[in-house]
């Protein structure tokens, strides 16, 4: 079955100012959604990305330039991702439609191209 990545995009302010209890309640919603995917045999992985940490690498002529990141020209950053199994893009979108992240940002759905070494 094809795999799809759900990239969780946000503007960096969605969770700002939440109390620890409110933030924990949100995390529990994500966990419950993931658990439901696992029971349905659709969950293939997922991770939250650390806030503010990271590096961006670009080749500039013959040299690689490394800068602190992730910073983008736009307002959204990827805050995490899930990998799911679905028969089609339509099914992947239907699965993503129930993800709690839609209350806090957007989700980019992309099919994963499986390569073999």
PDB file of N, CA and C in Angstrom:
ATOM      1  N   UNK A   1       0.855  -1.177   0.000  1.00  0.00           N
ATOM      2  CA  UNK A   1       0.000   0.000   0.000  1.00  0.00           C
ATOM      3  C   UNK A   1       0.900   1.238   0.000  1.00  0.00           C
ATOM      4  N   UNK A   2       0.546   2.261  -0.772  1.00  0.00           N
ATOM      5  CA  UNK A   2       1.364   3.480  -0.804  1.00  0.00           C
ATOM      6  C   UNK A   2       1.434   4.165   0.565  1.00  0.00           C
ATOM      7  N   UNK A   3       2.535   4.865   0.774  1.00  0.00           N
ATOM      8  CA  UNK A   3       2.729   5.646   2.000  1.00  0.00           C
ATOM      9  C   UNK A   3       2.652   7.132   1.646  1.00  0.00           C
ATOM     10  N   UNK A   4       2.136   7.905   2.582  1.00  0.00           N
ATOM     11  CA  UNK A   4       1.999   9.348   2.411  1.00  0.00           C
ATOM     12  C   UNK A   4       2.559  10.042   3.639  1.00  0.00           C
ATOM     13  N   UNK A   5       3.252  11.142   3.405  1.00  0.00           N
ATOM     14  CA  UNK A   5       3.741  11.970   4.501  1.00  0.00           C
ATOM     15  C   UNK A   5       2.756  13.109   4.712  1.00  0.00           C
ATOM     16  N   UNK A   6       2.372  13.306   5.958  1.00  0.00           N
ATOM     17  CA  UNK A   6       1.551  14.454   6.338  1.00  0.00           C
ATOM     18  C   UNK A   6       2.486  15.433   7.026  1.00  0.00           C
ATOM     19  N   UNK A   7       2.855  16.499   6.332  1.00  0.00           N
ATOM     20  CA  UNK A   7       3.753  17.499   6.905  1.00  0.00           C
ATOM     21  C   UNK A   7       2.910  18.550   7.613  1.00  0.00           C
ATOM     22  N   UNK A   8       3.137  18.681   8.908  1.00  0.00           N
ATOM     23  CA  UNK A   8       2.335  19.568   9.746  1.00  0.00           C
ATOM     24  C   UNK A   8       2.961  20.953   9.744  1.00  0.00           C
ATOM     25  N   UNK A   9       2.305  21.879   9.069  1.00  0.00           N
ATOM     26  CA  UNK A   9       2.824  23.245   8.948  1.00  0.00           C
ATOM     27  C   UNK A   9       2.122  24.152   9.955  1.00  0.00           C
ATOM     28  N   UNK A  10       2.872  25.132  10.444  1.00  0.00           N
ATOM     29  CA  UNK A  10       2.318  26.100  11.396  1.00  0.00           C
ATOM     30  C   UNK A  10       3.088  27.402  11.281  1.00  0.00           C
ATOM     31  N   UNK A  11       2.509  28.455  11.828  1.00  0.00           N
ATOM     32  CA  UNK A  11       3.175  29.760  11.746  1.00  0.00           C
ATOM     33  C   UNK A  11       4.010  30.084  12.977  1.00  0.00           C
ATOM     34  N   UNK A  12       4.096  29.156  13.903  1.00  0.00           N
ATOM     35  CA  UNK A  12       4.914  29.367  15.095  1.00  0.00           C
ATOM     36  C   UNK A  12       4.190  30.027  16.250  1.00  0.00           C
ATOM     37  N   UNK A  13       2.953  30.476  16.038  1.00  0.00           N
ATOM     38  CA  UNK A  13       2.220  31.146  17.113  1.00  0.00           C
ATOM     39  C   UNK A  13       1.053  30.316  17.648  1.00  0.00           C
ATOM     40  N   UNK A  14       0.710  29.232  16.965  1.00  0.00           N
ATOM     41  CA  UNK A  14      -0.485  28.461  17.318  1.00  0.00           C
ATOM     42  C   UNK A  14      -0.453  27.939  18.747  1.00  0.00           C
ATOM     43  N   UNK A  15       0.724  27.581  19.234  1.00  0.00           N
ATOM     44  CA  UNK A  15       0.830  26.995  20.569  1.00  0.00           C
ATOM     45  C   UNK A  15       1.445  27.961  21.584  1.00  0.00           C
ATOM     46  N   UNK A  16       1.785  29.152  21.131  1.00  0.00           N
ATOM     47  CA  UNK A  16       2.413  30.138  22.022  1.00  0.00           C
ATOM     48  C   UNK A  16       1.421  30.585  23.094  1.00  0.00           C
ATOM     49  N   UNK A  17       1.903  30.717  24.293  1.00  0.00           N
ATOM     50  CA  UNK A  17       1.087  31.227  25.381  1.00  0.00           C
ATOM     51  C   UNK A  17       0.157  30.212  26.025  1.00  0.00           C
ATOM     52  N   UNK A  18       0.214  28.966  25.589  1.00  0.00           N
ATOM     53  CA  UNK A  18      -0.633  27.950  26.217  1.00  0.00           C
ATOM     54  C   UNK A  18      -0.055  27.542  27.565  1.00  0.00           C
ATOM     55  N   UNK A  19      -0.923  27.248  28.485  1.00  0.00           N
ATOM     56  CA  UNK A  19      -0.457  26.717  29.762  1.00  0.00           C
ATOM     57  C   UNK A  19       0.059  25.298  29.528  1.00  0.00           C
ATOM     58  N   UNK A  20       0.910  24.800  30.423  1.00  0.00           N
ATOM     59  CA  UNK A  20       1.369  23.411  30.274  1.00  0.00           C
ATOM     60  C   UNK A  20       0.208  22.415  30.218  1.00  0.00           C
ATOM     61  N   UNK A  21      -0.838  22.653  30.983  1.00  0.00           N
ATOM     62  CA  UNK A  21      -1.989  21.743  30.982  1.00  0.00           C
ATOM     63  C   UNK A  21      -2.713  21.776  29.637  1.00  0.00           C
ATOM     64  N   UNK A  22      -2.890  22.975  29.075  1.00  0.00           N
ATOM     65  CA  UNK A  22      -3.547  23.088  27.771  1.00  0.00           C
ATOM     66  C   UNK A  22      -2.710  22.436  26.679  1.00  0.00           C
ATOM     67  N   UNK A  23      -1.394  22.643  26.736  1.00  0.00           N
ATOM     68  CA  UNK A  23      -0.519  22.037  25.739  1.00  0.00           C
ATOM     69  C   UNK A  23      -0.559  20.512  25.860  1.00  0.00           C
ATOM     70  N   UNK A  24      -0.568  19.998  27.074  1.00  0.00           N
ATOM     71  CA  UNK A  24      -0.638  18.548  27.292  1.00  0.00           C
ATOM     72  C   UNK A  24      -1.943  17.980  26.742  1.00  0.00           C
ATOM     73  N   UNK A  25      -3.033  18.722  26.881  1.00  0.00           N
ATOM     74  CA  UNK A  25      -4.319  18.269  26.343  1.00  0.00           C
ATOM     75  C   UNK A  25      -4.262  18.165  24.820  1.00  0.00           C
ATOM     76  N   UNK A  26      -3.570  19.100  24.178  1.00  0.00           N
ATOM     77  CA  UNK A  26      -3.410  19.050  22.722  1.00  0.00           C
ATOM     78  C   UNK A  26      -2.577  17.839  22.329  1.00  0.00           C
ATOM     79  N   UNK A  27      -1.488  17.601  23.053  1.00  0.00           N
ATOM     80  CA  UNK A  27      -0.630  16.447  22.768  1.00  0.00           C
ATOM     81  C   UNK A  27      -1.434  15.152  22.902  1.00  0.00           C
ATOM     82  N   UNK A  28      -2.317  15.091  23.879  1.00  0.00           N
ATOM     83  CA  UNK A  28      -3.151  13.899  24.055  1.00  0.00           C
ATOM     84  C   UNK A  28      -4.093  13.699  22.868  1.00  0.00           C
ATOM     85  N   UNK A  29      -4.594  14.797  22.282  1.00  0.00           N
ATOM     86  CA  UNK A  29      -5.442  14.680  21.084  1.00  0.00           C
ATOM     87  C   UNK A  29      -4.657  14.075  19.925  1.00  0.00           C
ATOM     88  N   UNK A  30      -3.420  14.557  19.732  1.00  0.00           N
ATOM     89  CA  UNK A  30      -2.575  13.999  18.671  1.00  0.00           C
ATOM     90  C   UNK A  30      -2.316  12.511  18.938  1.00  0.00           C
ATOM     91  N   UNK A  31      -2.035  12.167  20.187  1.00  0.00           N
ATOM     92  CA  UNK A  31      -1.770  10.775  20.545  1.00  0.00           C
ATOM     93  C   UNK A  31      -2.975   9.879  20.306  1.00  0.00           C
ATOM     94  N   UNK A  32      -4.159  10.363  20.637  1.00  0.00           N
ATOM     95  CA  UNK A  32      -5.377   9.581  20.416  1.00  0.00           C
ATOM     96  C   UNK A  32      -5.612   9.365  18.919  1.00  0.00           C
ATOM     97  N   UNK A  33      -5.336  10.392  18.118  1.00  0.00           N
ATOM     98  CA  UNK A  33      -5.489  10.269  16.663  1.00  0.00           C
ATOM     99  C   UNK A  33      -4.493   9.246  16.115  1.00  0.00           C
ATOM    100  N   UNK A  34      -3.256   9.317  16.584  1.00  0.00           N
ATOM    101  CA  UNK A  34      -2.228   8.353  16.171  1.00  0.00           C
ATOM    102  C   UNK A  34      -2.624   6.936  16.581  1.00  0.00           C
ATOM    103  N   UNK A  35      -3.120   6.781  17.801  1.00  0.00           N
ATOM    104  CA  UNK A  35      -3.540   5.456  18.274  1.00  0.00           C
ATOM    105  C   UNK A  35      -4.641   4.877  17.389  1.00  0.00           C
ATOM    106  N   UNK A  36      -5.567   5.722  16.959  1.00  0.00           N
ATOM    107  CA  UNK A  36      -6.637   5.271  16.065  1.00  0.00           C
ATOM    108  C   UNK A  36      -6.057   4.806  14.730  1.00  0.00           C
ATOM    109  N   UNK A  37      -5.079   5.540  14.210  1.00  0.00           N
ATOM    110  CA  UNK A  37      -4.414   5.122  12.966  1.00  0.00           C
ATOM    111  C   UNK A  37      -3.718   3.778  13.153  1.00  0.00           C
ATOM    112  N   UNK A  38      -3.076   3.590  14.305  1.00  0.00           N
ATOM    113  CA  UNK A  38      -2.398   2.320  14.576  1.00  0.00           C
ATOM    114  C   UNK A  38      -3.393   1.167  14.607  1.00  0.00           C
ATOM    115  N   UNK A  39      -4.514   1.358  15.278  1.00  0.00           N
ATOM    116  CA  UNK A  39      -5.537   0.304  15.343  1.00  0.00           C
ATOM    117  C   UNK A  39      -6.061  -0.050  13.945  1.00  0.00           C
ATOM    118  N   UNK A  40      -6.122   0.962  13.069  1.00  0.00           N
ATOM    119  CA  UNK A  40      -6.617   0.745  11.704  1.00  0.00           C
ATOM    120  C   UNK A  40      -5.531   0.227  10.761  1.00  0.00           C
ATOM    121  N   UNK A  41      -4.302   0.097  11.260  1.00  0.00           N
ATOM    122  CA  UNK A  41      -3.208  -0.376  10.422  1.00  0.00           C
ATOM    123  C   UNK A  41      -2.714   0.644   9.418  1.00  0.00           C
ATOM    124  N   UNK A  42      -2.920   1.931   9.699  1.00  0.00           N
ATOM    125  CA  UNK A  42      -2.549   3.003   8.765  1.00  0.00           C
ATOM    126  C   UNK A  42      -1.332   3.812   9.204  1.00  0.00           C
ATOM    127  N   UNK A  43      -0.927   3.694  10.455  1.00  0.00           N
ATOM    128  CA  UNK A  43       0.190   4.493  10.977  1.00  0.00           C
ATOM    129  C   UNK A  43       1.513   3.846  10.599  1.00  0.00           C
ATOM    130  N   UNK A  44       2.416   4.629   9.983  1.00  0.00           N
ATOM    131  CA  UNK A  44       3.733   4.111   9.598  1.00  0.00           C
ATOM    132  C   UNK A  44       4.870   4.892  10.248  1.00  0.00           C
ATOM    133  N   UNK A  45       4.561   5.933  11.025  1.00  0.00           N
ATOM    134  CA  UNK A  45       5.607   6.686  11.713  1.00  0.00           C
ATOM    135  C   UNK A  45       5.202   8.132  11.921  1.00  0.00           C
ATOM    136  N   UNK A  46       5.988   8.824  12.726  1.00  0.00           N
ATOM    137  CA  UNK A  46       5.718  10.236  12.949  1.00  0.00           C
ATOM    138  C   UNK A  46       6.641  10.818  13.996  1.00  0.00           C
ATOM    139  N   UNK A  47       6.874  12.112  13.880  1.00  0.00           N
ATOM    140  CA  UNK A  47       7.754  12.808  14.816  1.00  0.00           C
ATOM    141  C   UNK A  47       7.385  14.283  14.891  1.00  0.00           C
ATOM    142  N   UNK A  48       7.543  14.857  16.071  1.00  0.00           N
ATOM    143  CA  UNK A  48       7.484  16.304  16.242  1.00  0.00           C
ATOM    144  C   UNK A  48       8.906  16.814  16.076  1.00  0.00           C
ATOM    145  N   UNK A  49       9.068  17.904  15.354  1.00  0.00           N
ATOM    146  CA  UNK A  49      10.389  18.501  15.197  1.00  0.00           C
ATOM    147  C   UNK A  49      10.626  19.486  16.330  1.00  0.00           C
ATOM    148  N   UNK A  50      11.856  19.561  16.799  1.00  0.00           N
ATOM    149  CA  UNK A  50      12.190  20.478  17.895  1.00  0.00           C
ATOM    150  C   UNK A  50      12.052  21.924  17.431  1.00  0.00           C
ATOM    151  N   UNK A  51      11.497  22.742  18.309  1.00  0.00           N
ATOM    152  CA  UNK A  51      11.322  24.157  18.001  1.00  0.00           C
ATOM    153  C   UNK A  51      12.662  24.872  17.955  1.00  0.00           C
ATOM    154  N   UNK A  52      12.842  25.716  16.955  1.00  0.00           N
ATOM    155  CA  UNK A  52      13.996  26.613  16.901  1.00  0.00           C
ATOM    156  C   UNK A  52      15.326  25.987  16.576  1.00  0.00           C
ATOM    157  N   UNK A  53      15.424  24.679  16.565  1.00  0.00           N
ATOM    158  CA  UNK A  53      16.713  24.047  16.289  1.00  0.00           C
ATOM    159  C   UNK A  53      16.761  23.615  14.834  1.00  0.00           C
ATOM    160  N   UNK A  54      17.959  23.500  14.319  1.00  0.00           N
ATOM    161  CA  UNK A  54      18.116  22.987  12.965  1.00  0.00           C
ATOM    162  C   UNK A  54      19.149  23.769  12.189  1.00  0.00           C
ATOM    163  N   UNK A  55      19.471  23.256  11.036  1.00  0.00           N
ATOM    164  CA  UNK A  55      20.410  23.904  10.128  1.00  0.00           C
ATOM    165  C   UNK A  55      19.845  23.802   8.718  1.00  0.00           C
ATOM    166  N   UNK A  56      20.130  24.803   7.919  1.00  0.00           N
ATOM    167  CA  UNK A  56      19.778  24.806   6.509  1.00  0.00           C
ATOM    168  C   UNK A  56      21.076  24.799   5.727  1.00  0.00           C
ATOM    169  N   UNK A  57      21.186  23.864   4.788  1.00  0.00           N
ATOM    170  CA  UNK A  57      22.409  23.740   3.988  1.00  0.00           C
ATOM    171  C   UNK A  57      22.090  24.048   2.532  1.00  0.00           C
ATOM    172  N   UNK A  58      22.979  24.835   1.903  1.00  0.00           N
ATOM    173  CA  UNK A  58      22.846  25.158   0.480  1.00  0.00           C
ATOM    174  C   UNK A  58      24.222  25.125  -0.153  1.00  0.00           C
ATOM    175  N   UNK A  59      24.259  24.635  -1.380  1.00  0.00           N
ATOM    176  CA  UNK A  59      25.519  24.674  -2.122  1.00  0.00           C
ATOM    177  C   UNK A  59      25.583  26.014  -2.840  1.00  0.00           C
ATOM    178  N   UNK A  60      26.656  26.738  -2.598  1.00  0.00           N
ATOM    179  CA  UNK A  60      26.911  28.032  -3.204  1.00  0.00           C
ATOM    180  C   UNK A  60      28.154  27.875  -4.064  1.00  0.00           C
ATOM    181  N   UNK A  61      28.004  27.744  -5.358  1.00  0.00           N
ATOM    182  CA  UNK A  61      29.119  27.436  -6.266  1.00  0.00           C
ATOM    183  C   UNK A  61      29.749  26.121  -5.833  1.00  0.00           C
ATOM    184  N   UNK A  62      30.977  26.163  -5.345  1.00  0.00           N
ATOM    185  CA  UNK A  62      31.662  24.917  -4.977  1.00  0.00           C
ATOM    186  C   UNK A  62      31.681  24.690  -3.471  1.00  0.00           C
ATOM    187  N   UNK A  63      31.012  25.528  -2.725  1.00  0.00           N
ATOM    188  CA  UNK A  63      31.082  25.446  -1.269  1.00  0.00           C
ATOM    189  C   UNK A  63      29.684  25.277  -0.676  1.00  0.00           C
ATOM    190  N   UNK A  64      29.608  24.514   0.412  1.00  0.00           N
ATOM    191  CA  UNK A  64      28.341  24.329   1.114  1.00  0.00           C
ATOM    192  C   UNK A  64      28.257  25.359   2.231  1.00  0.00           C
ATOM    193  N   UNK A  65      27.147  26.096   2.254  1.00  0.00           N
ATOM    194  CA  UNK A  65      26.918  27.114   3.276  1.00  0.00           C
ATOM    195  C   UNK A  65      25.875  26.570   4.252  1.00  0.00           C
ATOM    196  N   UNK A  66      26.199  26.607   5.535  1.00  0.00           N
ATOM    197  CA  UNK A  66      25.301  26.122   6.582  1.00  0.00           C
ATOM    198  C   UNK A  66      24.867  27.315   7.423  1.00  0.00           C
ATOM    199  N   UNK A  67      23.550  27.486   7.566  1.00  0.00           N
ATOM    200  CA  UNK A  67      23.021  28.573   8.388  1.00  0.00           C
ATOM    201  C   UNK A  67      22.086  27.994   9.438  1.00  0.00           C
ATOM    202  N   UNK A  68      21.890  28.751  10.510  1.00  0.00           N
ATOM    203  CA  UNK A  68      20.918  28.341  11.515  1.00  0.00           C
ATOM    204  C   UNK A  68      19.535  28.353  10.883  1.00  0.00           C
ATOM    205  N   UNK A  69      18.702  27.462  11.310  1.00  0.00           N
ATOM    206  CA  UNK A  69      17.359  27.396  10.757  1.00  0.00           C
ATOM    207  C   UNK A  69      16.486  26.584  11.686  1.00  0.00           C
ATOM    208  N   UNK A  70      15.324  26.234  11.321  1.00  0.00           N
ATOM    209  CA  UNK A  70      14.748  26.488  10.008  1.00  0.00           C
ATOM    210  C   UNK A  70      14.095  27.861   9.939  1.00  0.00           C
ATOM    211  N   UNK A  71      14.504  28.644   9.021  1.00  0.00           N
ATOM    212  CA  UNK A  71      13.864  29.926   8.768  1.00  0.00           C
ATOM    213  C   UNK A  71      13.512  29.963   7.299  1.00  0.00           C
ATOM    214  N   UNK A  72      12.308  30.402   6.993  1.00  0.00           N
ATOM    215  CA  UNK A  72      11.866  30.457   5.612  1.00  0.00           C
ATOM    216  C   UNK A  72      11.459  31.875   5.280  1.00  0.00           C
ATOM    217  N   UNK A  73      11.349  32.128   4.006  1.00  0.00           N
ATOM    218  CA  UNK A  73      10.879  33.438   3.567  1.00  0.00           C
ATOM    219  C   UNK A  73       9.400  33.609   3.912  1.00  0.00           C
ATOM    220  N   UNK A  74       8.681  32.507   3.944  1.00  0.00           N
ATOM    221  CA  UNK A  74       7.262  32.556   4.261  1.00  0.00           C
ATOM    222  C   UNK A  74       7.028  32.541   5.757  1.00  0.00           C
ATOM    223  N   UNK A  75       5.782  32.353   6.124  1.00  0.00           N
ATOM    224  CA  UNK A  75       5.427  32.397   7.537  1.00  0.00           C
ATOM    225  C   UNK A  75       5.279  31.022   8.160  1.00  0.00           C
ATOM    226  N   UNK A  76       5.203  29.971   7.352  1.00  0.00           N
ATOM    227  CA  UNK A  76       4.979  28.641   7.904  1.00  0.00           C
ATOM    228  C   UNK A  76       6.259  27.825   7.962  1.00  0.00           C
ATOM    229  N   UNK A  77       6.338  27.001   8.996  1.00  0.00           N
ATOM    230  CA  UNK A  77       7.428  26.035   9.123  1.00  0.00           C
ATOM    231  C   UNK A  77       6.798  24.664   9.348  1.00  0.00           C
ATOM    232  N   UNK A  78       7.568  23.628   9.075  1.00  0.00           N
ATOM    233  CA  UNK A  78       7.099  22.271   9.340  1.00  0.00           C
ATOM    234  C   UNK A  78       7.422  21.945  10.791  1.00  0.00           C
ATOM    235  N   UNK A  79       6.389  21.693  11.582  1.00  0.00           N
ATOM    236  CA  UNK A  79       6.572  21.421  13.001  1.00  0.00           C
ATOM    237  C   UNK A  79       6.624  19.939  13.335  1.00  0.00           C
ATOM    238  N   UNK A  80       6.249  19.101  12.377  1.00  0.00           N
ATOM    239  CA  UNK A  80       6.264  17.664  12.600  1.00  0.00           C
ATOM    240  C   UNK A  80       5.714  16.949  11.393  1.00  0.00           C
ATOM    241  N   UNK A  81       5.675  15.630  11.489  1.00  0.00           N
ATOM    242  CA  UNK A  81       5.166  14.853  10.364  1.00  0.00           C
ATOM    243  C   UNK A  81       4.634  13.515  10.836  1.00  0.00           C
ATOM    244  N   UNK A  82       3.711  13.005  10.070  1.00  0.00           N
ATOM    245  CA  UNK A  82       3.217  11.645  10.217  1.00  0.00           C
ATOM    246  C   UNK A  82       3.412  10.948   8.883  1.00  0.00           C
ATOM    247  N   UNK A  83       3.646   9.653   8.922  1.00  0.00           N
ATOM    248  CA  UNK A  83       3.654   8.834   7.715  1.00  0.00           C
ATOM    249  C   UNK A  83       2.515   7.840   7.866  1.00  0.00           C
ATOM    250  N   UNK A  84       1.649   7.822   6.862  1.00  0.00           N
ATOM    251  CA  UNK A  84       0.486   6.939   6.907  1.00  0.00           C
ATOM    252  C   UNK A  84       0.473   6.044   5.673  1.00  0.00           C
ATOM    253  N   UNK A  85      -0.321   4.997   5.735  1.00  0.00           N
ATOM    254  CA  UNK A  85      -0.560   4.142   4.580  1.00  0.00           C
ATOM    255  C   UNK A  85      -1.988   4.377   4.122  1.00  0.00           C
ATOM    256  N   UNK A  86      -2.139   4.594   2.812  1.00  0.00           N
ATOM    257  CA  UNK A  86      -3.458   4.821   2.230  1.00  0.00           C
ATOM    258  C   UNK A  86      -3.442   4.317   0.792  1.00  0.00           C
ATOM    259  N   UNK A  87      -4.601   3.943   0.289  1.00  0.00           N
ATOM    260  CA  UNK A  87      -4.690   3.394  -1.059  1.00  0.00           C
ATOM    261  C   UNK A  87      -4.540   4.462  -2.140  1.00  0.00           C
ATOM    262  N   UNK A  88      -4.823   5.735  -1.797  1.00  0.00           N
ATOM    263  CA  UNK A  88      -4.796   6.805  -2.798  1.00  0.00           C
ATOM    264  C   UNK A  88      -4.631   8.155  -2.104  1.00  0.00           C
ATOM    265  N   UNK A  89      -4.387   9.198  -2.915  1.00  0.00           N
ATOM    266  CA  UNK A  89      -4.352  10.550  -2.354  1.00  0.00           C
ATOM    267  C   UNK A  89      -5.684  10.884  -1.685  1.00  0.00           C
ATOM    268  N   UNK A  90      -6.780  10.511  -2.322  1.00  0.00           N
ATOM    269  CA  UNK A  90      -8.087  10.818  -1.739  1.00  0.00           C
ATOM    270  C   UNK A  90      -8.246  10.197  -0.359  1.00  0.00           C
ATOM    271  N   UNK A  91      -7.805   8.948  -0.210  1.00  0.00           N
ATOM    272  CA  UNK A  91      -7.899   8.307   1.101  1.00  0.00           C
ATOM    273  C   UNK A  91      -6.952   8.969   2.096  1.00  0.00           C
ATOM    274  N   UNK A  92      -5.750   9.347   1.650  1.00  0.00           N
ATOM    275  CA  UNK A  92      -4.796  10.024   2.537  1.00  0.00           C
ATOM    276  C   UNK A  92      -5.370  11.352   3.029  1.00  0.00           C
ATOM    277  N   UNK A  93      -6.004  12.091   2.136  1.00  0.00           N
ATOM    278  CA  UNK A  93      -6.627  13.364   2.518  1.00  0.00           C
ATOM    279  C   UNK A  93      -7.774  13.118   3.496  1.00  0.00           C
ATOM    280  N   UNK A  94      -8.540  12.070   3.261  1.00  0.00           N
ATOM    281  CA  UNK A  94      -9.639  11.733   4.180  1.00  0.00           C
ATOM    282  C   UNK A  94      -9.100  11.412   5.573  1.00  0.00           C
ATOM    283  N   UNK A  95      -8.005  10.659   5.639  1.00  0.00           N
ATOM    284  CA  UNK A  95      -7.379  10.341   6.927  1.00  0.00           C
ATOM    285  C   UNK A  95      -6.867  11.620   7.591  1.00  0.00           C
ATOM    286  N   UNK A  96      -6.193  12.466   6.817  1.00  0.00           N
ATOM    287  CA  UNK A  96      -5.632  13.715   7.356  1.00  0.00           C
ATOM    288  C   UNK A  96      -6.722  14.672   7.823  1.00  0.00           C
ATOM    289  N   UNK A  97      -7.910  14.558   7.260  1.00  0.00           N
ATOM    290  CA  UNK A  97      -9.020  15.437   7.617  1.00  0.00           C
ATOM    291  C   UNK A  97      -9.376  15.351   9.099  1.00  0.00           C
ATOM    292  N   UNK A  98      -9.077  14.222   9.734  1.00  0.00           N
ATOM    293  CA  UNK A  98      -9.376  14.047  11.157  1.00  0.00           C
ATOM    294  C   UNK A  98      -8.200  14.399  12.064  1.00  0.00           C
ATOM    295  N   UNK A  99      -7.075  14.797  11.486  1.00  0.00           N
ATOM    296  CA  UNK A  99      -5.894  15.129  12.292  1.00  0.00           C
ATOM    297  C   UNK A  99      -6.146  16.411  13.083  1.00  0.00           C
ATOM    298  N   UNK A 100      -5.858  16.407  14.383  1.00  0.00           N
ATOM    299  CA  UNK A 100      -6.091  17.603  15.190  1.00  0.00           C
ATOM    300  C   UNK A 100      -5.265  18.808  14.752  1.00  0.00           C
ATOM    301  N   UNK A 101      -4.215  18.586  13.973  1.00  0.00           N
ATOM    302  CA  UNK A 101      -3.363  19.708  13.567  1.00  0.00           C
ATOM    303  C   UNK A 101      -4.118  20.740  12.730  1.00  0.00           C
ATOM    304  N   UNK A 102      -5.178  20.338  12.061  1.00  0.00           N
ATOM    305  CA  UNK A 102      -5.934  21.294  11.252  1.00  0.00           C
ATOM    306  C   UNK A 102      -6.539  22.412  12.094  1.00  0.00           C
ATOM    307  N   UNK A 103      -6.624  22.223  13.406  1.00  0.00           N
ATOM    308  CA  UNK A 103      -7.082  23.297  14.297  1.00  0.00           C
ATOM    309  C   UNK A 103      -5.984  24.321  14.570  1.00  0.00           C
ATOM    310  N   UNK A 104      -4.738  24.012  14.199  1.00  0.00           N
ATOM    311  CA  UNK A 104      -3.599  24.860  14.567  1.00  0.00           C
ATOM    312  C   UNK A 104      -2.729  25.271  13.383  1.00  0.00           C
ATOM    313  N   UNK A 105      -2.950  24.681  12.223  1.00  0.00           N
ATOM    314  CA  UNK A 105      -2.126  24.981  11.060  1.00  0.00           C
ATOM    315  C   UNK A 105      -2.645  24.229   9.850  1.00  0.00           C
ATOM    316  N   UNK A 106      -1.758  23.976   8.913  1.00  0.00           N
ATOM    317  CA  UNK A 106      -2.142  23.273   7.693  1.00  0.00           C
ATOM    318  C   UNK A 106      -1.368  21.960   7.584  1.00  0.00           C
ATOM    319  N   UNK A 107      -1.845  21.096   6.708  1.00  0.00           N
ATOM    320  CA  UNK A 107      -1.202  19.804   6.478  1.00  0.00           C
ATOM    321  C   UNK A 107      -0.923  19.669   4.986  1.00  0.00           C
ATOM    322  N   UNK A 108       0.323  19.385   4.655  1.00  0.00           N
ATOM    323  CA  UNK A 108       0.691  19.092   3.273  1.00  0.00           C
ATOM    324  C   UNK A 108       0.773  17.575   3.133  1.00  0.00           C
ATOM    325  N   UNK A 109       0.023  17.019   2.193  1.00  0.00           N
ATOM    326  CA  UNK A 109      -0.019  15.575   1.966  1.00  0.00           C
ATOM    327  C   UNK A 109       0.811  15.265   0.724  1.00  0.00           C
ATOM    328  N   UNK A 110       1.816  14.396   0.888  1.00  0.00           N
ATOM    329  CA  UNK A 110       2.690  14.023  -0.235  1.00  0.00           C
ATOM    330  C   UNK A 110       2.908  12.522  -0.230  1.00  0.00           C
ATOM    331  N   UNK A 111       2.816  11.911  -1.413  1.00  0.00           N
ATOM    332  CA  UNK A 111       3.102  10.482  -1.511  1.00  0.00           C
ATOM    333  C   UNK A 111       4.601  10.262  -1.390  1.00  0.00           C
ATOM    334  N   UNK A 112       4.969   9.213  -0.664  1.00  0.00           N
ATOM    335  CA  UNK A 112       6.374   8.851  -0.479  1.00  0.00           C
ATOM    336  C   UNK A 112       6.768   7.909  -1.604  1.00  0.00           C
ATOM    337  N   UNK A 113       7.852   8.237  -2.276  1.00  0.00           N
ATOM    338  CA  UNK A 113       8.377   7.343  -3.304  1.00  0.00           C
ATOM    339  C   UNK A 113       9.351   6.389  -2.633  1.00  0.00           C
ATOM    340  N   UNK A 114       8.981   5.132  -2.590  1.00  0.00           N
ATOM    341  CA  UNK A 114       9.810   4.130  -1.929  1.00  0.00           C
ATOM    342  C   UNK A 114      10.931   3.723  -2.881  1.00  0.00           C
ATOM    343  N   UNK A 115      12.161   3.861  -2.413  1.00  0.00           N
ATOM    344  CA  UNK A 115      13.317   3.461  -3.215  1.00  0.00           C
ATOM    345  C   UNK A 115      14.022   2.313  -2.518  1.00  0.00           C
ATOM    346  N   UNK A 116      14.634   1.488  -3.274  1.00  0.00           N
ATOM    347  CA  UNK A 116      15.382   0.348  -2.734  1.00  0.00           C
ATOM    348  C   UNK A 116      16.863   0.566  -3.006  1.00  0.00           C
ATOM    349  N   UNK A 117      17.733   0.191  -2.048  1.00  0.00           N
ATOM    350  CA  UNK A 117      19.179   0.360  -2.286  1.00  0.00           C
ATOM    351  C   UNK A 117      19.697  -0.571  -3.366  1.00  0.00           C
TER     352      UNK A 117
END
